[in-house]
Amino acid sequence: MTETSETPPMPRPAMLRFAAASDPRAATSVSADGTPPGTDGPEDVWVFGYGSLMWRPGFDAIDRRPALLYGYHRDMCVRSIRYRGTPDKPGLVLGLRRGGSCRGIAYRVAGAAWTGVRAYLFEREMTTYAYQPRFGAVGLGDGHRVSGYTFVADPAHPQYAGDLDVSARIGLIRQGVGPNGTARDYLASTVDHLDELGIADSHLHCLLAWVDGHVPPPEPERNVPAP
């Protein structure tokens, strides 16, 4: 997920007009007022965090629960050109890609506070529009399912790196340096925080080991001509 040099403050009422509904790229699978499609509002809204939102949400919630997002998985798949890299030497940060599932944290936001929280999240995550806000199916620990607001990597965006092989991703992580530090330290911090939360992400553990050179990365697959 996009990170900032510090958690942006909650927007003042005058700032709320800048939120997702004001930009067509942010309206995908989100109703005009930012509530789940088919709801009338101002109902409570669930927000799903899979990266820094889990340990640094920056907004008030009336409930917080371990959760599982269906249909997407966490991956280092977005080029960072601002905080952990530059346009010439981008780093790599988290995003959600289609397929599988993702363990994270679900926050329940009071309906009356949702407009402000939505604007805050949009400012925090959509600095370069490399993500798409979406509502996805989220399972809570008690067996209930809710619709959760989250940000998925936009595969059509120039910063999308989900189609790169492992070697190319390792290169981006090793080279990425920006105002917030290195892309390697971002990955290591993410792994540490996930471990502290009891979310063992084996893929990110392997990626960090490859970046640090502790174990060799897998050999790229080669197409062998048929005999």
C-alpha atoms as a PDB file:
ATOM      1  CA  MET A   1       0.000   0.000   0.000  1.00  0.00           C
ATOM      2  CA  THR A   2       1.056   3.576  -0.498  1.00  0.00           C
ATOM      3  CA  GLU A   3       2.833   5.081   2.466  1.00  0.00           C
ATOM      4  CA  THR A   4       3.351   8.701   3.407  1.00  0.00           C
ATOM      5  CA  SER A   5       6.159  10.378   5.308  1.00  0.00           C
ATOM      6  CA  GLU A   6       3.709  10.599   8.174  1.00  0.00           C
ATOM      7  CA  THR A   7       0.093   9.663   8.742  1.00  0.00           C
ATOM      8  CA  PRO A   8      -1.936  12.444   7.087  1.00  0.00           C
ATOM      9  CA  PRO A   9      -4.354  14.252   9.402  1.00  0.00           C
ATOM     10  CA  MET A  10      -8.054  13.613   9.162  1.00  0.00           C
ATOM     11  CA  PRO A  11      -9.429  16.116   6.623  1.00  0.00           C
ATOM     12  CA  ARG A  12     -11.449  19.128   7.648  1.00  0.00           C
ATOM     13  CA  PRO A  13     -15.060  19.352   6.371  1.00  0.00           C
ATOM     14  CA  ALA A  14     -13.994  21.738   3.625  1.00  0.00           C
ATOM     15  CA  MET A  15     -11.647  19.072   2.252  1.00  0.00           C
ATOM     16  CA  LEU A  16     -14.225  16.335   1.939  1.00  0.00           C
ATOM     17  CA  ARG A  17     -15.320  17.279  -1.568  1.00  0.00           C
ATOM     18  CA  PHE A  18     -11.957  16.063  -2.852  1.00  0.00           C
ATOM     19  CA  ALA A  19     -12.807  12.451  -1.947  1.00  0.00           C
ATOM     20  CA  ALA A  20     -13.266   9.509  -4.275  1.00  0.00           C
ATOM     21  CA  ALA A  21     -16.525  10.553  -5.890  1.00  0.00           C
ATOM     22  CA  SER A  22     -14.784  13.571  -7.441  1.00  0.00           C
ATOM     23  CA  ASP A  23     -12.553  11.409  -9.650  1.00  0.00           C
ATOM     24  CA  PRO A  24     -13.896   8.803 -12.072  1.00  0.00           C
ATOM     25  CA  ARG A  25     -10.861   6.544 -11.558  1.00  0.00           C
ATOM     26  CA  ALA A  26     -11.798   6.161  -7.890  1.00  0.00           C
ATOM     27  CA  ALA A  27     -15.434   5.197  -8.448  1.00  0.00           C
ATOM     28  CA  THR A  28     -14.853   1.594  -9.573  1.00  0.00           C
ATOM     29  CA  SER A  29     -17.155  -0.703  -7.598  1.00  0.00           C
ATOM     30  CA  VAL A  30     -17.910   2.133  -5.174  1.00  0.00           C
ATOM     31  CA  SER A  31     -21.191   4.041  -5.097  1.00  0.00           C
ATOM     32  CA  ALA A  32     -21.254   7.806  -5.524  1.00  0.00           C
ATOM     33  CA  ASP A  33     -21.113   8.442  -1.779  1.00  0.00           C
ATOM     34  CA  GLY A  34     -18.461   5.808  -1.157  1.00  0.00           C
ATOM     35  CA  THR A  35     -20.750   3.269   0.486  1.00  0.00           C
ATOM     36  CA  PRO A  36     -21.093  -0.365  -0.580  1.00  0.00           C
ATOM     37  CA  PRO A  37     -23.270  -0.713  -3.693  1.00  0.00           C
ATOM     38  CA  GLY A  38     -26.896  -1.316  -2.810  1.00  0.00           C
ATOM     39  CA  THR A  39     -26.829   0.397   0.587  1.00  0.00           C
ATOM     40  CA  ASP A  40     -28.601   3.596   1.453  1.00  0.00           C
ATOM     41  CA  GLY A  41     -26.124   4.960   4.065  1.00  0.00           C
ATOM     42  CA  PRO A  42     -25.192   6.303   6.496  1.00  0.00           C
ATOM     43  CA  GLU A  43     -24.646   2.716   7.609  1.00  0.00           C
ATOM     44  CA  ASP A  44     -21.436   1.634   9.298  1.00  0.00           C
ATOM     45  CA  VAL A  45     -18.699   0.718   6.810  1.00  0.00           C
ATOM     46  CA  TRP A  46     -15.974  -1.913   7.165  1.00  0.00           C
ATOM     47  CA  VAL A  47     -12.439  -1.066   5.989  1.00  0.00           C
ATOM     48  CA  PHE A  48     -10.001  -3.895   5.223  1.00  0.00           C
ATOM     49  CA  GLY A  49      -6.305  -3.271   5.887  1.00  0.00           C
ATOM     50  CA  TYR A  50      -3.595  -5.573   4.535  1.00  0.00           C
ATOM     51  CA  GLY A  51      -0.486  -3.403   4.969  1.00  0.00           C
ATOM     52  CA  SER A  52       0.316  -0.361   7.076  1.00  0.00           C
ATOM     53  CA  LEU A  53      -3.380   0.204   7.821  1.00  0.00           C
ATOM     54  CA  MET A  54      -3.140  -2.803  10.136  1.00  0.00           C
ATOM     55  CA  TRP A  55      -0.618  -1.177  12.478  1.00  0.00           C
ATOM     56  CA  ARG A  56      -1.104   2.515  11.614  1.00  0.00           C
ATOM     57  CA  PRO A  57      -4.731   3.088  10.591  1.00  0.00           C
ATOM     58  CA  GLY A  58      -4.872   6.816  11.334  1.00  0.00           C
ATOM     59  CA  PHE A  59      -8.648   6.908  11.876  1.00  0.00           C
ATOM     60  CA  ASP A  60     -11.115   6.040  14.615  1.00  0.00           C
ATOM     61  CA  ALA A  61     -12.988   2.738  14.442  1.00  0.00           C
ATOM     62  CA  ILE A  62     -15.761   1.363  16.630  1.00  0.00           C
ATOM     63  CA  ASP A  63     -14.599  -2.227  16.090  1.00  0.00           C
ATOM     64  CA  ARG A  64     -11.426  -3.985  14.957  1.00  0.00           C
ATOM     65  CA  ARG A  65     -11.216  -7.678  14.048  1.00  0.00           C
ATOM     66  CA  PRO A  66      -8.922 -10.178  12.324  1.00  0.00           C
ATOM     67  CA  ALA A  67     -10.358 -10.787   8.875  1.00  0.00           C
ATOM     68  CA  LEU A  68      -9.913 -12.620   5.594  1.00  0.00           C
ATOM     69  CA  LEU A  69     -10.444 -10.923   2.228  1.00  0.00           C
ATOM     70  CA  TYR A  70     -11.617 -13.322  -0.471  1.00  0.00           C
ATOM     71  CA  GLY A  71     -10.501 -13.122  -4.090  1.00  0.00           C
ATOM     72  CA  TYR A  72      -7.254 -11.178  -3.625  1.00  0.00           C
ATOM     73  CA  HIS A  73      -3.800 -11.824  -2.195  1.00  0.00           C
ATOM     74  CA  ARG A  74      -1.135  -9.519  -0.776  1.00  0.00           C
ATOM     75  CA  ASP A  75       1.974  -8.983  -2.926  1.00  0.00           C
ATOM     76  CA  MET A  76       4.838  -6.577  -3.549  1.00  0.00           C
ATOM     77  CA  CYS A  77       3.448  -5.482  -6.887  1.00  0.00           C
ATOM     78  CA  VAL A  78       3.376  -1.662  -7.103  1.00  0.00           C
ATOM     79  CA  ARG A  79       6.375   0.420  -8.146  1.00  0.00           C
ATOM     80  CA  SER A  80       7.148   3.159  -5.627  1.00  0.00           C
ATOM     81  CA  ILE A  81       8.282   6.376  -7.295  1.00  0.00           C
ATOM     82  CA  ARG A  82       7.760   8.746  -4.392  1.00  0.00           C
ATOM     83  CA  TYR A  83       8.442   7.345  -0.904  1.00  0.00           C
ATOM     84  CA  ARG A  84      10.620   4.239  -1.468  1.00  0.00           C
ATOM     85  CA  GLY A  85      12.017   5.019  -4.889  1.00  0.00           C
ATOM     86  CA  THR A  86      12.153   7.567  -7.691  1.00  0.00           C
ATOM     87  CA  PRO A  87      10.777   7.652 -11.242  1.00  0.00           C
ATOM     88  CA  ASP A  88      14.253   6.718 -12.520  1.00  0.00           C
ATOM     89  CA  LYS A  89      14.891   4.029  -9.902  1.00  0.00           C
ATOM     90  CA  PRO A  90      11.551   2.857  -8.514  1.00  0.00           C
ATOM     91  CA  GLY A  91      11.207   0.638  -5.490  1.00  0.00           C
ATOM     92  CA  LEU A  92       8.396  -1.801  -4.772  1.00  0.00           C
ATOM     93  CA  VAL A  93       5.546  -1.704  -2.236  1.00  0.00           C
ATOM     94  CA  LEU A  94       2.445  -3.702  -1.347  1.00  0.00           C
ATOM     95  CA  GLY A  95      -0.749  -4.096  -3.290  1.00  0.00           C
ATOM     96  CA  LEU A  96      -3.574  -6.585  -3.703  1.00  0.00           C
ATOM     97  CA  ARG A  97      -3.695  -8.865  -6.742  1.00  0.00           C
ATOM     98  CA  ARG A  98      -6.552 -11.037  -7.938  1.00  0.00           C
ATOM     99  CA  GLY A  99      -6.731 -14.620  -6.771  1.00  0.00           C
ATOM    100  CA  GLY A 100      -6.544 -16.434  -3.465  1.00  0.00           C
ATOM    101  CA  SER A 101      -7.225 -14.681  -0.186  1.00  0.00           C
ATOM    102  CA  CYS A 102      -5.539 -12.277   2.203  1.00  0.00           C
ATOM    103  CA  ARG A 103      -5.438 -12.151   5.999  1.00  0.00           C
ATOM    104  CA  GLY A 104      -5.639  -8.686   7.513  1.00  0.00           C
ATOM    105  CA  ILE A 105      -7.580  -6.443   9.870  1.00  0.00           C
ATOM    106  CA  ALA A 106     -11.151  -5.196   9.374  1.00  0.00           C
ATOM    107  CA  TYR A 107     -12.166  -1.893  10.950  1.00  0.00           C
ATOM    108  CA  ARG A 108     -15.773  -0.907  11.468  1.00  0.00           C
ATOM    109  CA  VAL A 109     -16.276   2.819  10.861  1.00  0.00           C
ATOM    110  CA  ALA A 110     -19.389   4.583  12.106  1.00  0.00           C
ATOM    111  CA  GLY A 111     -21.640   5.682   9.254  1.00  0.00           C
ATOM    112  CA  ALA A 112     -21.612   9.272  10.467  1.00  0.00           C
ATOM    113  CA  ALA A 113     -17.797   9.341  10.262  1.00  0.00           C
ATOM    114  CA  TRP A 114     -17.426   7.529   6.951  1.00  0.00           C
ATOM    115  CA  THR A 115     -17.275  10.571   4.665  1.00  0.00           C
ATOM    116  CA  GLY A 116     -14.274  11.930   6.528  1.00  0.00           C
ATOM    117  CA  VAL A 117     -12.542   8.558   6.824  1.00  0.00           C
ATOM    118  CA  ARG A 118     -13.065   7.853   3.129  1.00  0.00           C
ATOM    119  CA  ALA A 119     -11.501  11.195   2.190  1.00  0.00           C
ATOM    120  CA  TYR A 120      -8.569  10.492   4.504  1.00  0.00           C
ATOM    121  CA  LEU A 121      -7.990   7.046   2.988  1.00  0.00           C
ATOM    122  CA  PHE A 122      -8.218   8.439  -0.524  1.00  0.00           C
ATOM    123  CA  GLU A 123      -5.584  11.071   0.278  1.00  0.00           C
ATOM    124  CA  ARG A 124      -3.338   8.464   1.888  1.00  0.00           C
ATOM    125  CA  GLU A 125      -3.558   5.703  -0.724  1.00  0.00           C
ATOM    126  CA  MET A 126      -4.290   7.428  -4.025  1.00  0.00           C
ATOM    127  CA  THR A 127      -1.357   9.815  -4.426  1.00  0.00           C
ATOM    128  CA  THR A 128      -0.587   8.474  -7.910  1.00  0.00           C
ATOM    129  CA  TYR A 129      -3.804   6.508  -8.618  1.00  0.00           C
ATOM    130  CA  ALA A 130      -1.887   3.217  -8.690  1.00  0.00           C
ATOM    131  CA  TYR A 131      -4.718   1.598  -6.700  1.00  0.00           C
ATOM    132  CA  GLN A 132      -8.451   1.142  -7.166  1.00  0.00           C
ATOM    133  CA  PRO A 133     -10.848   1.476  -4.218  1.00  0.00           C
ATOM    134  CA  ARG A 134     -13.130  -1.544  -4.038  1.00  0.00           C
ATOM    135  CA  PHE A 135     -15.587  -3.311  -1.789  1.00  0.00           C
ATOM    136  CA  GLY A 136     -14.747  -6.991  -1.409  1.00  0.00           C
ATOM    137  CA  ALA A 137     -16.106  -9.992   0.489  1.00  0.00           C
ATOM    138  CA  VAL A 138     -14.498 -10.118   3.936  1.00  0.00           C
ATOM    139  CA  GLY A 139     -14.890 -12.923   6.451  1.00  0.00           C
ATOM    140  CA  LEU A 140     -14.699 -12.031  10.142  1.00  0.00           C
ATOM    141  CA  GLY A 141     -13.432 -14.319  12.862  1.00  0.00           C
ATOM    142  CA  ASP A 142     -16.943 -15.048  14.138  1.00  0.00           C
ATOM    143  CA  GLY A 143     -18.052 -16.470  10.799  1.00  0.00           C
ATOM    144  CA  HIS A 144     -19.887 -13.384   9.560  1.00  0.00           C
ATOM    145  CA  ARG A 145     -19.210 -11.935   6.121  1.00  0.00           C
ATOM    146  CA  VAL A 146     -19.202  -8.222   5.409  1.00  0.00           C
ATOM    147  CA  SER A 147     -18.402  -5.964   2.481  1.00  0.00           C
ATOM    148  CA  GLY A 148     -15.013  -4.359   3.128  1.00  0.00           C
ATOM    149  CA  TYR A 149     -13.541  -1.222   1.562  1.00  0.00           C
ATOM    150  CA  THR A 150      -9.951  -1.696   0.420  1.00  0.00           C
ATOM    151  CA  PHE A 151      -7.435  -0.699  -2.243  1.00  0.00           C
ATOM    152  CA  VAL A 152      -6.313  -3.129  -4.948  1.00  0.00           C
ATOM    153  CA  ALA A 153      -3.428  -2.642  -7.361  1.00  0.00           C
ATOM    154  CA  ASP A 154      -4.565  -1.325 -10.738  1.00  0.00           C
ATOM    155  CA  PRO A 155      -3.132  -3.729 -13.347  1.00  0.00           C
ATOM    156  CA  ALA A 156      -3.526  -1.077 -16.056  1.00  0.00           C
ATOM    157  CA  HIS A 157      -1.438   1.522 -14.201  1.00  0.00           C
ATOM    158  CA  PRO A 158       2.204   2.141 -15.249  1.00  0.00           C
ATOM    159  CA  GLN A 159       3.344   1.480 -11.674  1.00  0.00           C
ATOM    160  CA  TYR A 160       1.862  -2.020 -11.641  1.00  0.00           C
ATOM    161  CA  ALA A 161       4.584  -4.652 -11.328  1.00  0.00           C
ATOM    162  CA  GLY A 162       2.561  -7.808 -10.763  1.00  0.00           C
ATOM    163  CA  ASP A 163       3.572  -9.188 -14.143  1.00  0.00           C
ATOM    164  CA  LEU A 164       7.313  -9.040 -13.378  1.00  0.00           C
ATOM    165  CA  ASP A 165       9.288 -12.173 -12.590  1.00  0.00           C
ATOM    166  CA  VAL A 166      10.963 -12.702  -9.218  1.00  0.00           C
ATOM    167  CA  SER A 167      14.387 -11.492 -10.374  1.00  0.00           C
ATOM    168  CA  ALA A 168      12.987  -8.191 -11.621  1.00  0.00           C
ATOM    169  CA  ARG A 169      11.104  -7.639  -8.362  1.00  0.00           C
ATOM    170  CA  ILE A 170      14.208  -8.384  -6.327  1.00  0.00           C
ATOM    171  CA  GLY A 171      16.073  -5.796  -8.394  1.00  0.00           C
ATOM    172  CA  LEU A 172      13.430  -3.130  -7.747  1.00  0.00           C
ATOM    173  CA  ILE A 173      13.439  -3.807  -4.009  1.00  0.00           C
ATOM    174  CA  ARG A 174      17.239  -3.687  -3.824  1.00  0.00           C
ATOM    175  CA  GLN A 175      17.508  -0.426  -5.754  1.00  0.00           C
ATOM    176  CA  GLY A 176      14.561   1.491  -4.303  1.00  0.00           C
ATOM    177  CA  VAL A 177      15.507   4.453  -2.086  1.00  0.00           C
ATOM    178  CA  GLY A 178      13.272   7.419  -1.306  1.00  0.00           C
ATOM    179  CA  PRO A 179      12.506   9.986   1.394  1.00  0.00           C
ATOM    180  CA  ASN A 180      11.052   7.281   3.665  1.00  0.00           C
ATOM    181  CA  GLY A 181      14.024   4.941   3.255  1.00  0.00           C
ATOM    182  CA  THR A 182      14.721   1.840   1.214  1.00  0.00           C
ATOM    183  CA  ALA A 183      12.252  -0.544  -0.362  1.00  0.00           C
ATOM    184  CA  ARG A 184      14.150  -3.369   1.321  1.00  0.00           C
ATOM    185  CA  ASP A 185      13.509  -1.869   4.771  1.00  0.00           C
ATOM    186  CA  TYR A 186       9.842  -1.387   3.842  1.00  0.00           C
ATOM    187  CA  LEU A 187       9.600  -5.108   3.057  1.00  0.00           C
ATOM    188  CA  ALA A 188      11.443  -6.100   6.249  1.00  0.00           C
ATOM    189  CA  SER A 189       9.237  -3.835   8.372  1.00  0.00           C
ATOM    190  CA  THR A 190       6.125  -5.296   6.740  1.00  0.00           C
ATOM    191  CA  VAL A 191       7.277  -8.848   7.504  1.00  0.00           C
ATOM    192  CA  ASP A 192       8.047  -7.904  11.127  1.00  0.00           C
ATOM    193  CA  HIS A 193       4.664  -6.258  11.646  1.00  0.00           C
ATOM    194  CA  LEU A 194       2.806  -9.173  10.077  1.00  0.00           C
ATOM    195  CA  ASP A 195       4.670 -11.593  12.349  1.00  0.00           C
ATOM    196  CA  GLU A 196       3.771  -9.498  15.399  1.00  0.00           C
ATOM    197  CA  LEU A 197       0.114  -9.691  14.374  1.00  0.00           C
ATOM    198  CA  GLY A 198       0.332 -13.453  13.953  1.00  0.00           C
ATOM    199  CA  ILE A 199       0.015 -13.258  10.165  1.00  0.00           C
ATOM    200  CA  ALA A 200       2.778 -15.435   8.747  1.00  0.00           C
ATOM    201  CA  ASP A 201       3.149 -14.474   5.085  1.00  0.00           C
ATOM    202  CA  SER A 202       5.522 -17.109   3.712  1.00  0.00           C
ATOM    203  CA  HIS A 203       5.750 -15.420   0.309  1.00  0.00           C
ATOM    204  CA  LEU A 204       7.023 -12.153   1.782  1.00  0.00           C
ATOM    205  CA  HIS A 205       9.420 -14.052   4.055  1.00  0.00           C
ATOM    206  CA  CYS A 206      10.868 -15.803   1.003  1.00  0.00           C
ATOM    207  CA  LEU A 207      11.073 -12.564  -0.955  1.00  0.00           C
ATOM    208  CA  LEU A 208      13.001 -10.877   1.871  1.00  0.00           C
ATOM    209  CA  ALA A 209      15.414 -13.829   2.069  1.00  0.00           C
ATOM    210  CA  TRP A 210      16.000 -13.582  -1.684  1.00  0.00           C
ATOM    211  CA  VAL A 211      16.534  -9.815  -1.520  1.00  0.00           C
ATOM    212  CA  ASP A 212      19.053 -10.206   1.309  1.00  0.00           C
ATOM    213  CA  GLY A 213      20.823 -13.025  -0.504  1.00  0.00           C
ATOM    214  CA  HIS A 214      20.299 -15.579   2.260  1.00  0.00           C
ATOM    215  CA  VAL A 215      18.942 -18.090  -0.225  1.00  0.00           C
ATOM    216  CA  PRO A 216      19.074 -18.063  -4.033  1.00  0.00           C
ATOM    217  CA  PRO A 217      15.859 -17.102  -5.826  1.00  0.00           C
ATOM    218  CA  PRO A 218      14.119 -19.709  -7.967  1.00  0.00           C
ATOM    219  CA  GLU A 219      15.325 -20.142 -11.510  1.00  0.00           C
ATOM    220  CA  PRO A 220      13.056 -18.491 -14.095  1.00  0.00           C
ATOM    221  CA  GLU A 221      10.896 -20.908 -16.021  1.00  0.00           C
ATOM    222  CA  ARG A 222      12.012 -21.585 -19.558  1.00  0.00           C
ATOM    223  CA  ASN A 223       9.781 -22.615 -22.405  1.00  0.00           C
ATOM    224  CA  VAL A 224      11.131 -25.883 -23.787  1.00  0.00           C
ATOM    225  CA  PRO A 225      10.212 -26.559 -27.424  1.00  0.00           C
ATOM    226  CA  ALA A 226       8.129 -29.657 -27.942  1.00  0.00           C
ATOM    227  CA  PRO A 227      10.055 -32.546 -29.558  1.00  0.00           C
END
